[in-house]
Protein backbone atom coordinates (compact mmCIF):
# COMPACT_ATOMS: atom_id res chain seq x y z
CA MET A 1 84.87 -30.61 -63.72
CA PRO A 2 83.17 -33.17 -66.00
CA ARG A 3 82.48 -36.60 -64.65
CA PRO A 4 84.68 -39.41 -66.00
CA PRO A 5 82.89 -41.89 -68.25
CA ASP A 6 81.50 -44.99 -66.56
CA PRO A 7 83.78 -47.94 -67.40
CA ARG A 8 80.74 -50.20 -67.15
CA SER A 9 78.75 -48.75 -70.01
CA VAL A 10 77.53 -52.02 -71.55
CA ARG A 11 74.30 -53.46 -70.20
CA VAL A 12 73.50 -57.19 -70.40
CA GLN A 13 69.99 -58.43 -69.80
CA THR A 14 69.09 -61.91 -68.67
CA ARG A 15 65.99 -63.67 -67.45
CA PHE A 16 65.52 -65.78 -64.35
CA SER A 17 62.62 -67.80 -63.05
CA PRO A 18 61.29 -66.48 -59.73
CA ASP A 19 62.99 -69.37 -57.93
CA GLU A 20 66.31 -68.75 -59.68
CA LEU A 21 66.19 -65.05 -58.90
CA ALA A 22 65.41 -65.78 -55.25
CA GLU A 23 68.42 -68.11 -55.14
CA VAL A 24 70.70 -65.48 -56.71
CA GLU A 25 69.40 -62.77 -54.36
CA GLU A 26 69.98 -64.99 -51.34
CA ALA A 27 73.51 -65.84 -52.49
CA ALA A 28 74.28 -62.14 -53.02
CA ARG A 29 72.85 -61.28 -49.60
CA LYS A 30 75.03 -63.93 -47.96
CA GLU A 31 78.09 -62.47 -49.68
CA ALA A 32 76.97 -58.96 -48.66
CA VAL A 33 77.06 -57.63 -52.22
CA THR A 34 74.47 -56.42 -54.68
CA VAL A 35 72.91 -58.87 -57.11
CA CYS A 36 74.72 -57.09 -59.97
CA GLU A 37 78.08 -57.36 -58.22
CA TYR A 38 77.43 -61.03 -57.38
CA LEU A 39 76.54 -61.89 -60.98
CA ARG A 40 79.47 -59.92 -62.37
CA GLN A 41 82.02 -61.54 -60.06
CA THR A 42 80.71 -65.08 -60.43
CA ALA A 43 80.42 -64.74 -64.21
CA LEU A 44 84.05 -63.62 -64.34
CA LYS A 45 84.99 -66.42 -61.93
CA ARG A 46 86.49 -63.98 -59.48
CA LYS A 47 86.61 -64.78 -55.83
CA LEU A 48 84.12 -62.73 -53.87
CA ARG A 49 85.34 -61.03 -50.72
CA THR A 50 83.62 -62.70 -47.86
CA SER A 51 82.09 -60.54 -45.19
CA PHE A 52 81.34 -61.51 -41.64
CA LEU A 53 78.13 -59.48 -41.82
CA ASP A 54 75.20 -59.74 -44.19
CA ARG A 55 73.97 -56.64 -46.03
CA ASP A 56 71.18 -55.95 -43.55
CA ALA A 57 73.61 -56.00 -40.63
CA GLN A 58 76.02 -53.78 -42.54
CA ARG A 59 73.27 -51.27 -43.31
CA GLU A 60 72.20 -51.19 -39.67
CA ILE A 61 75.74 -50.62 -38.43
CA TRP A 62 76.41 -47.90 -41.00
CA LYS A 63 73.12 -46.25 -40.02
CA GLN A 64 74.29 -46.23 -36.39
CA VAL A 65 77.73 -44.88 -37.37
CA ALA A 66 76.09 -42.11 -39.43
CA GLY A 67 73.85 -41.23 -36.48
CA ALA A 68 76.85 -41.08 -34.15
CA ALA A 69 78.70 -38.86 -36.62
CA ARG A 70 75.71 -36.50 -36.85
CA ASN A 71 75.53 -36.32 -33.06
CA ILE A 72 79.23 -35.51 -32.84
CA ASN A 73 78.83 -32.76 -35.44
CA GLN A 74 75.87 -31.28 -33.53
CA ILE A 75 77.82 -31.35 -30.27
CA ALA A 76 80.81 -29.72 -31.96
CA LYS A 77 78.61 -26.98 -33.38
CA ARG A 78 77.11 -26.25 -29.94
CA VAL A 79 80.50 -26.24 -28.25
CA ASN A 80 81.96 -23.96 -30.90
CA THR A 81 79.10 -21.48 -30.43
CA SER A 82 79.28 -21.48 -26.61
CA SER A 83 81.83 -21.53 -23.81
CA VAL A 84 81.41 -25.27 -23.06
CA GLN A 85 84.83 -26.94 -23.27
CA SER A 86 84.38 -30.09 -21.19
CA ILE A 87 83.87 -32.60 -24.03
CA ASP A 88 86.91 -34.44 -25.40
CA PHE A 89 86.19 -34.37 -29.12
CA VAL A 90 89.51 -35.88 -30.04
CA GLU A 91 88.60 -39.00 -28.07
CA LEU A 92 85.10 -39.09 -29.62
CA GLN A 93 86.65 -38.84 -33.07
CA LYS A 94 89.09 -41.66 -32.27
CA GLN A 95 86.24 -43.88 -31.08
CA LEU A 96 84.23 -43.20 -34.23
CA GLN A 97 87.28 -43.93 -36.39
CA ARG A 98 87.79 -47.26 -34.56
CA ILE A 99 84.16 -48.18 -35.32
CA ILE A 100 84.60 -47.30 -38.99
CA ASP A 101 87.90 -49.21 -39.19
CA SER A 102 86.25 -52.28 -37.63
CA MET A 103 83.48 -52.12 -40.24
CA MET A 104 86.00 -51.81 -43.06
CA ILE A 105 87.94 -54.82 -41.74
CA ALA A 106 84.73 -56.86 -41.35
CA ASN A 107 83.85 -56.06 -44.96
CA GLY A 108 87.31 -56.97 -46.25
CA LYS A 109 87.94 -53.42 -47.44
CA LYS A 110 90.80 -52.86 -45.03
CA LYS A 111 93.44 -55.12 -43.51
CA SER A 112 93.73 -55.37 -39.74
């Protein structure tokens, strides 16, 4: 199936002094968005969603969630290929989903 066209097909270039760019990057980091998203939203005078976590903290948490998900998948594979049945995967899945939901709420992508 062909990919739908990108609605953001127009590119705008601008120049910043090193100090200005550092200020914009810091503001975007505080809002936990990319520089492009920060510039787009502020230029359009839209309110940015505020996040309780900065981008570095978000990346670290998502890295941990991804690691936990990989571990769960590896455990499931081993259990499915052996006679071990003592692990409660439903509970592990629920715990992982709670972690993901908490991250989505912290990022303003989901309501509590």
